Protein backbone atom coordinates (compact mmCIF):
# COMPACT_ATOMS: atom_id res chain seq x y z
CA MET A 1 85.29 86.37 110.30
CA GLN A 2 87.88 84.65 111.55
CA SER A 3 87.26 80.19 111.30
CA TYR A 4 87.35 78.39 114.21
CA ILE A 5 87.58 75.41 114.97
CA VAL A 6 86.16 74.38 118.36
CA LYS A 7 86.52 71.04 120.03
CA TRP A 8 84.95 70.47 123.68
CA LYS A 9 84.72 67.66 126.16
CA PHE A 10 82.90 66.55 128.96
CA HIS A 11 84.47 64.99 131.94
CA CYS A 12 81.63 64.01 133.96
CA VAL A 13 78.74 61.92 132.37
CA GLU A 14 76.03 63.62 134.38
CA LYS A 15 76.80 67.13 133.35
CA GLN A 16 76.86 65.61 129.59
CA VAL A 17 73.39 64.79 130.10
CA ALA A 18 71.84 67.89 131.27
CA ALA A 19 73.69 69.62 128.37
CA TYR A 20 72.04 67.51 125.98
CA GLN A 21 68.60 67.82 127.56
CA LYS A 22 69.26 71.57 127.21
CA PHE A 23 70.69 71.14 123.99
CA VAL A 24 67.18 69.38 122.98
CA GLU A 25 65.33 72.20 123.78
CA TYR A 26 68.12 74.51 122.29
CA ALA A 27 67.44 72.70 118.87
CA ASP A 28 63.43 72.82 119.05
CA ALA A 29 63.88 76.73 119.79
CA GLY A 30 65.57 76.58 115.78
CA TYR A 31 69.42 77.11 117.54
CA PRO A 32 68.75 80.57 118.38
CA GLU A 33 72.43 81.56 119.67
CA ASP A 34 74.33 79.90 115.91
CA LYS A 35 74.17 83.34 114.28
CA PHE A 36 74.06 86.44 115.40
CA ASP A 37 76.22 89.74 114.30
CA GLY A 38 80.08 88.74 114.48
CA PHE A 39 79.20 85.11 114.94
CA GLU A 40 78.06 81.92 112.56
CA ILE A 41 78.09 78.36 113.51
CA LYS A 42 78.60 76.12 110.34
CA PHE A 43 78.85 72.80 111.45
CA ARG A 44 78.63 71.09 114.68
CA TYR A 45 79.51 67.04 114.87
CA HIS A 46 78.89 65.15 118.22
CA ALA A 47 80.38 61.84 119.18
CA PRO A 48 78.21 61.70 122.92
CA GLY A 49 80.01 57.92 123.47
CA ASP A 50 82.81 59.67 124.17
CA GLY A 51 82.06 63.15 125.35
CA THR A 52 83.28 65.05 123.08
CA GLY A 53 82.34 67.10 119.56
CA VAL A 54 83.60 69.63 117.06
CA ILE A 55 82.20 73.00 115.48
CA VAL A 56 83.21 74.85 112.93
CA CYS A 57 82.67 78.25 113.20
CA LYS A 58 83.30 81.89 112.02
CA ALA A 59 83.30 85.19 114.40
CA ASP A 60 84.06 88.67 114.44
CA GLY A 61 86.87 88.27 117.48
CA ALA A 62 86.94 86.47 121.21
CA ASP A 63 83.89 88.57 122.39
CA ALA A 64 81.50 86.72 119.81
CA ILE A 65 83.40 83.54 121.01
CA PHE A 66 82.85 84.22 124.69
CA LYS A 67 79.39 85.33 124.25
CA HIS A 68 78.04 81.85 122.50
CA PHE A 69 80.41 79.24 124.68
CA ALA A 70 80.70 80.54 128.10
CA PRO A 71 76.94 79.78 129.05
CA TRP A 72 77.83 76.17 127.84
CA ARG A 73 81.16 76.09 129.94
CA ALA A 74 79.73 77.96 133.06
CA GLN A 75 76.69 75.27 132.98
CA PHE A 76 77.70 72.05 132.47
CA GLY A 77 81.85 72.48 132.77
CA MET A 78 82.84 71.46 129.09
CA GLU A 79 86.63 71.85 128.50
CA LEU A 80 86.82 73.88 125.32
CA ASP A 81 89.89 73.96 122.93
CA ILE A 82 89.41 76.84 120.81
CA THR A 83 91.92 77.72 117.74
CA PRO A 84 92.00 79.51 114.73
CA ALA A 85 91.54 77.96 111.48
CA MET A 86 91.95 78.55 107.86
CA SER A 87 90.29 77.70 104.57
CA CYS A 88 91.92 75.74 101.53
CA ALA A 89 92.29 78.62 99.73
CA GLN A 90 93.24 80.61 102.28
CA VAL A 91 96.13 77.96 103.13
CA VAL A 92 96.70 77.90 99.54
CA GLU A 93 97.42 81.11 99.21
CA SER A 94 98.85 81.50 102.58
CA HIS A 95 101.79 79.13 100.98
CA ARG A 96 101.88 80.34 97.88
CA GLN A 97 103.07 83.48 99.01
CA LEU A 98 105.51 82.13 101.84
CA PHE A 99 106.96 80.15 99.09
CA ASN A 100 107.41 83.13 96.72
CA GLU A 101 109.03 84.73 99.59
CA SER A 102 111.79 82.02 100.19
CA ALA A 103 112.24 81.54 96.84
């Protein structure tokens, strides 16, 4: 699966409060959609003081990402920035190959 860094931002405090009310319920239920076939959240960090946060997840593609994030965006108007990412091992190997090819 491909790794992704997902940054979110709330532009409205009322929507942020509503989202955190829902998130408490989600946590109490055991984070049911954090892992399903083709998708897994690895880390989630919150900065509630400025309405932002970051998730590191793995996904098979856009459909899996949409399945997890679309309900939150639709309900709470969060801005999402979803970026493919590489592990240290992947970036080292990719650059090793690049440098060998350009030598």
